[in-house]
Amino acid sequence: MAPRWWQRLCFKLRGCNAAGALSQRRLDGEMRQVASLRRSWQSSAVRVVKFLQKSVRNQGEVELVEFIDTGRFVAVKRMPNTWAGDGPEAFERMHPQSSEKPW
């Protein structure tokens, strides 16, 4: 059984089954919406603290960054848009065997 907070969220989204799982159709729609909001990396909003590791599978890298306005630290994985594609459907066409799903 899904946690109560997830059940409430699913009720609001109207896209979950009785076990609290999002339907594939709903998930695909949400991913398309998120992909449409993609924007360029705002390097002026963060300060790179240090390099953490290479991400060889997707020509990317993981860095520790600090958000300048809040002082919060997060690990960020950056990868080229040419690898990630324009959205989940494009990525799946380009990399159908990939275990990594950036969308």
N, C-alpha and C. Protein backbone atom coordinates (compact mmCIF):
# COMPACT_ATOMS: atom_id res chain seq x y z
N MET A 1 0.84 -1.18 0.00
CA MET A 1 0.00 0.00 0.00
C MET A 1 0.89 1.25 0.00
N ALA A 2 0.52 2.22 -0.78
CA ALA A 2 1.28 3.46 -0.90
C ALA A 2 1.10 4.31 0.36
N PRO A 3 2.12 5.12 0.72
CA PRO A 3 1.99 6.02 1.87
C PRO A 3 0.82 6.99 1.68
N ARG A 4 0.27 7.44 2.76
CA ARG A 4 -0.91 8.31 2.71
C ARG A 4 -0.64 9.61 1.93
N TRP A 5 0.54 10.21 2.12
CA TRP A 5 0.84 11.45 1.40
C TRP A 5 0.83 11.21 -0.10
N TRP A 6 1.30 10.02 -0.54
CA TRP A 6 1.31 9.71 -1.96
C TRP A 6 -0.12 9.50 -2.46
N GLN A 7 -0.94 8.86 -1.66
CA GLN A 7 -2.34 8.67 -2.04
C GLN A 7 -3.03 10.01 -2.24
N ARG A 8 -2.76 10.98 -1.34
CA ARG A 8 -3.37 12.31 -1.49
C ARG A 8 -2.89 12.99 -2.77
N LEU A 9 -1.59 12.87 -3.04
CA LEU A 9 -1.04 13.47 -4.26
C LEU A 9 -1.66 12.80 -5.49
N CYS A 10 -1.76 11.49 -5.47
CA CYS A 10 -2.35 10.78 -6.61
C CYS A 10 -3.80 11.19 -6.82
N PHE A 11 -4.52 11.41 -5.74
CA PHE A 11 -5.90 11.85 -5.87
C PHE A 11 -5.95 13.20 -6.58
N LYS A 12 -5.04 14.11 -6.23
CA LYS A 12 -4.99 15.42 -6.87
C LYS A 12 -4.60 15.29 -8.34
N LEU A 13 -3.67 14.40 -8.64
CA LEU A 13 -3.21 14.24 -10.01
C LEU A 13 -4.21 13.46 -10.87
N ARG A 14 -5.02 12.64 -10.23
CA ARG A 14 -5.99 11.79 -10.92
C ARG A 14 -5.34 10.90 -11.97
N GLY A 15 -4.18 10.36 -11.63
CA GLY A 15 -3.49 9.52 -12.60
C GLY A 15 -2.88 8.28 -11.99
N CYS A 16 -3.29 7.92 -10.78
CA CYS A 16 -2.70 6.77 -10.10
C CYS A 16 -3.69 5.62 -10.04
N ASN A 17 -3.14 4.43 -9.91
CA ASN A 17 -4.01 3.28 -9.71
C ASN A 17 -4.26 3.08 -8.22
N ALA A 18 -4.98 2.05 -7.86
CA ALA A 18 -5.35 1.83 -6.46
C ALA A 18 -4.14 1.60 -5.56
N ALA A 19 -3.06 1.09 -6.12
CA ALA A 19 -1.85 0.85 -5.32
C ALA A 19 -1.01 2.12 -5.16
N GLY A 20 -1.43 3.21 -5.81
CA GLY A 20 -0.70 4.45 -5.67
C GLY A 20 0.37 4.66 -6.73
N ALA A 21 0.37 3.85 -7.77
CA ALA A 21 1.35 4.00 -8.84
C ALA A 21 0.78 4.87 -9.95
N LEU A 22 1.61 5.75 -10.50
CA LEU A 22 1.18 6.55 -11.63
C LEU A 22 0.97 5.63 -12.84
N SER A 23 -0.04 5.92 -13.61
CA SER A 23 -0.22 5.17 -14.85
C SER A 23 0.87 5.58 -15.83
N GLN A 24 1.21 4.69 -16.74
CA GLN A 24 2.24 5.00 -17.73
C GLN A 24 1.83 6.20 -18.56
N ARG A 25 0.56 6.29 -18.88
CA ARG A 25 0.06 7.41 -19.67
C ARG A 25 0.25 8.73 -18.94
N ARG A 26 -0.07 8.73 -17.65
CA ARG A 26 0.09 9.94 -16.84
C ARG A 26 1.57 10.31 -16.71
N LEU A 27 2.40 9.31 -16.46
CA LEU A 27 3.84 9.56 -16.33
C LEU A 27 4.41 10.13 -17.62
N ASP A 28 4.02 9.55 -18.76
CA ASP A 28 4.50 10.06 -20.05
C ASP A 28 4.08 11.51 -20.25
N GLY A 29 2.87 11.84 -19.89
CA GLY A 29 2.39 13.22 -20.01
C GLY A 29 3.16 14.18 -19.13
N GLU A 30 3.41 13.77 -17.90
CA GLU A 30 4.18 14.62 -16.99
C GLU A 30 5.60 14.82 -17.49
N MET A 31 6.22 13.77 -18.04
CA MET A 31 7.58 13.90 -18.56
C MET A 31 7.61 14.84 -19.76
N ARG A 32 6.60 14.76 -20.63
CA ARG A 32 6.54 15.69 -21.77
C ARG A 32 6.43 17.13 -21.29
N GLN A 33 5.62 17.34 -20.24
CA GLN A 33 5.46 18.69 -19.71
C GLN A 33 6.77 19.21 -19.14
N VAL A 34 7.46 18.40 -18.37
CA VAL A 34 8.75 18.80 -17.79
C VAL A 34 9.75 19.09 -18.90
N ALA A 35 9.79 18.24 -19.93
CA ALA A 35 10.73 18.44 -21.04
C ALA A 35 10.47 19.77 -21.74
N SER A 36 9.22 20.17 -21.83
CA SER A 36 8.90 21.43 -22.50
C SER A 36 9.38 22.65 -21.70
N LEU A 37 9.64 22.46 -20.41
CA LEU A 37 10.10 23.56 -19.55
C LEU A 37 11.62 23.65 -19.48
N ARG A 38 12.31 22.75 -20.16
CA ARG A 38 13.77 22.72 -20.11
C ARG A 38 14.34 24.06 -20.54
N ARG A 39 15.37 24.49 -19.85
CA ARG A 39 16.04 25.74 -20.21
C ARG A 39 17.53 25.56 -20.06
N SER A 40 18.27 26.51 -20.56
CA SER A 40 19.73 26.44 -20.51
C SER A 40 20.22 26.51 -19.07
N TRP A 41 21.37 25.90 -18.85
CA TRP A 41 22.02 25.92 -17.54
C TRP A 41 22.38 27.35 -17.18
N GLN A 42 21.98 27.79 -16.00
CA GLN A 42 22.26 29.15 -15.54
C GLN A 42 23.51 29.13 -14.66
N SER A 43 24.66 29.18 -15.31
CA SER A 43 25.90 29.07 -14.55
C SER A 43 26.12 30.24 -13.60
N SER A 44 25.47 31.37 -13.85
CA SER A 44 25.64 32.51 -12.95
C SER A 44 24.90 32.32 -11.62
N ALA A 45 24.01 31.34 -11.55
CA ALA A 45 23.24 31.10 -10.32
C ALA A 45 23.93 30.16 -9.36
N VAL A 46 24.99 29.49 -9.83
CA VAL A 46 25.70 28.52 -9.00
C VAL A 46 27.20 28.75 -9.05
N ARG A 47 27.85 28.22 -8.04
CA ARG A 47 29.31 28.23 -8.01
C ARG A 47 29.76 26.78 -7.93
N VAL A 48 30.58 26.36 -8.89
CA VAL A 48 31.09 25.00 -8.85
C VAL A 48 32.12 24.91 -7.74
N VAL A 49 31.87 23.99 -6.81
CA VAL A 49 32.77 23.82 -5.67
C VAL A 49 33.88 22.84 -6.02
N LYS A 50 33.48 21.68 -6.59
CA LYS A 50 34.51 20.73 -7.01
C LYS A 50 33.92 19.68 -7.94
N PHE A 51 34.80 19.14 -8.74
CA PHE A 51 34.47 18.04 -9.63
C PHE A 51 34.36 16.77 -8.78
N LEU A 52 33.31 15.97 -9.00
CA LEU A 52 33.16 14.73 -8.23
C LEU A 52 33.52 13.49 -9.05
N GLN A 53 32.97 13.37 -10.26
CA GLN A 53 33.31 12.21 -11.08
C GLN A 53 32.85 12.39 -12.52
N LYS A 54 33.47 11.62 -13.42
CA LYS A 54 33.04 11.57 -14.81
C LYS A 54 31.83 10.65 -14.91
N SER A 55 31.00 10.92 -15.88
CA SER A 55 29.85 10.07 -16.18
C SER A 55 30.04 9.60 -17.62
N VAL A 56 30.77 8.53 -17.78
CA VAL A 56 31.23 8.09 -19.08
C VAL A 56 30.08 7.69 -20.01
N ARG A 57 29.05 7.04 -19.46
CA ARG A 57 27.95 6.55 -20.31
C ARG A 57 27.26 7.65 -21.09
N ASN A 58 27.20 8.86 -20.53
CA ASN A 58 26.44 9.92 -21.19
C ASN A 58 27.26 11.18 -21.43
N GLN A 59 28.57 11.02 -21.53
CA GLN A 59 29.49 12.14 -21.79
C GLN A 59 29.31 13.29 -20.81
N GLY A 60 28.93 12.99 -19.60
CA GLY A 60 28.67 14.03 -18.61
C GLY A 60 29.67 14.01 -17.46
N GLU A 61 29.35 14.80 -16.46
CA GLU A 61 30.16 14.84 -15.24
C GLU A 61 29.29 15.27 -14.07
N VAL A 62 29.72 14.87 -12.90
CA VAL A 62 29.01 15.21 -11.67
C VAL A 62 29.88 16.20 -10.90
N GLU A 63 29.25 17.29 -10.48
CA GLU A 63 29.96 18.34 -9.75
C GLU A 63 29.19 18.69 -8.48
N LEU A 64 29.91 19.12 -7.48
CA LEU A 64 29.29 19.69 -6.29
C LEU A 64 29.17 21.18 -6.56
N VAL A 65 27.95 21.70 -6.47
CA VAL A 65 27.75 23.13 -6.72
C VAL A 65 27.03 23.76 -5.53
N GLU A 66 27.21 25.05 -5.41
CA GLU A 66 26.54 25.83 -4.37
C GLU A 66 25.64 26.85 -5.06
N PHE A 67 24.37 26.88 -4.66
CA PHE A 67 23.47 27.91 -5.17
C PHE A 67 23.82 29.22 -4.48
N ILE A 68 24.14 30.22 -5.26
CA ILE A 68 24.63 31.49 -4.73
C ILE A 68 23.59 32.17 -3.86
N ASP A 69 22.33 32.15 -4.27
CA ASP A 69 21.29 32.88 -3.52
C ASP A 69 20.92 32.23 -2.20
N THR A 70 21.05 30.90 -2.08
CA THR A 70 20.63 30.22 -0.85
C THR A 70 21.78 29.63 -0.05
N GLY A 71 22.94 29.43 -0.69
CA GLY A 71 24.06 28.79 -0.01
C GLY A 71 23.92 27.29 0.10
N ARG A 72 22.91 26.70 -0.54
CA ARG A 72 22.70 25.25 -0.48
C ARG A 72 23.63 24.54 -1.45
N PHE A 73 24.08 23.37 -1.04
CA PHE A 73 24.96 22.55 -1.86
C PHE A 73 24.19 21.36 -2.42
N VAL A 74 24.44 21.06 -3.68
CA VAL A 74 23.84 19.89 -4.32
C VAL A 74 24.84 19.28 -5.30
N ALA A 75 24.67 18.00 -5.55
CA ALA A 75 25.44 17.34 -6.61
C ALA A 75 24.63 17.48 -7.88
N VAL A 76 25.29 17.91 -8.95
CA VAL A 76 24.63 18.15 -10.23
C VAL A 76 25.30 17.30 -11.29
N LYS A 77 24.48 16.57 -12.03
CA LYS A 77 25.01 15.80 -13.15
C LYS A 77 24.68 16.56 -14.42
N ARG A 78 25.71 17.00 -15.10
CA ARG A 78 25.53 17.73 -16.36
C ARG A 78 25.86 16.80 -17.51
N MET A 79 25.03 16.85 -18.54
CA MET A 79 25.27 16.04 -19.73
C MET A 79 24.83 16.84 -20.94
N PRO A 80 25.41 16.56 -22.10
CA PRO A 80 25.05 17.33 -23.28
C PRO A 80 23.60 17.10 -23.71
N ASN A 81 22.96 18.15 -24.18
CA ASN A 81 21.59 18.02 -24.70
C ASN A 81 21.55 17.09 -25.89
N THR A 82 22.66 17.01 -26.63
CA THR A 82 22.69 16.11 -27.78
C THR A 82 22.55 14.66 -27.35
N TRP A 83 22.94 14.33 -26.12
CA TRP A 83 22.77 12.97 -25.61
C TRP A 83 21.37 12.80 -25.02
N ALA A 84 20.90 13.78 -24.28
CA ALA A 84 19.60 13.66 -23.61
C ALA A 84 18.42 13.80 -24.57
N GLY A 85 18.64 14.50 -25.67
CA GLY A 85 17.55 14.70 -26.63
C GLY A 85 16.59 15.79 -26.18
N ASP A 86 15.53 15.96 -26.96
CA ASP A 86 14.56 17.02 -26.70
C ASP A 86 13.44 16.62 -25.75
N GLY A 87 13.43 15.39 -25.31
CA GLY A 87 12.39 14.93 -24.40
C GLY A 87 12.45 13.42 -24.26
N PRO A 88 11.57 12.85 -23.46
CA PRO A 88 11.64 11.41 -23.18
C PRO A 88 11.45 10.53 -24.41
N GLU A 89 10.57 10.92 -25.33
CA GLU A 89 10.36 10.10 -26.53
C GLU A 89 11.59 10.11 -27.43
N ALA A 90 12.18 11.30 -27.62
CA ALA A 90 13.39 11.40 -28.44
C ALA A 90 14.53 10.61 -27.82
N PHE A 91 14.67 10.69 -26.50
CA PHE A 91 15.74 9.95 -25.83
C PHE A 91 15.55 8.45 -26.03
N GLU A 92 14.34 7.98 -25.88
CA GLU A 92 14.06 6.55 -26.03
C GLU A 92 14.37 6.07 -27.45
N ARG A 93 14.08 6.89 -28.44
CA ARG A 93 14.41 6.53 -29.83
C ARG A 93 15.92 6.47 -30.04
N MET A 94 16.64 7.43 -29.44
CA MET A 94 18.09 7.50 -29.63
C MET A 94 18.84 6.43 -28.84
N HIS A 95 18.33 6.10 -27.64
CA HIS A 95 19.05 5.18 -26.73
C HIS A 95 18.09 4.14 -26.13
N PRO A 96 17.52 3.27 -26.96
CA PRO A 96 16.50 2.34 -26.45
C PRO A 96 17.04 1.34 -25.42
N GLN A 97 18.33 1.06 -25.42
CA GLN A 97 18.90 0.09 -24.49
C GLN A 97 19.50 0.72 -23.24
N SER A 98 19.44 2.03 -23.11
CA SER A 98 20.08 2.71 -21.98
C SER A 98 19.35 2.42 -20.67
N SER A 99 20.13 2.10 -19.64
CA SER A 99 19.53 1.90 -18.31
C SER A 99 19.30 3.24 -17.62
N GLU A 100 19.95 4.26 -18.11
CA GLU A 100 19.79 5.59 -17.53
C GLU A 100 18.69 6.32 -18.28
N LYS A 101 17.82 6.99 -17.54
CA LYS A 101 16.70 7.71 -18.13
C LYS A 101 16.72 9.15 -17.59
N PRO A 102 17.34 10.08 -18.34
CA PRO A 102 17.46 11.45 -17.82
C PRO A 102 16.14 12.20 -17.74
N TRP A 103 15.13 11.71 -18.38
CA TRP A 103 13.83 12.39 -18.32
C TRP A 103 13.02 11.72 -17.28
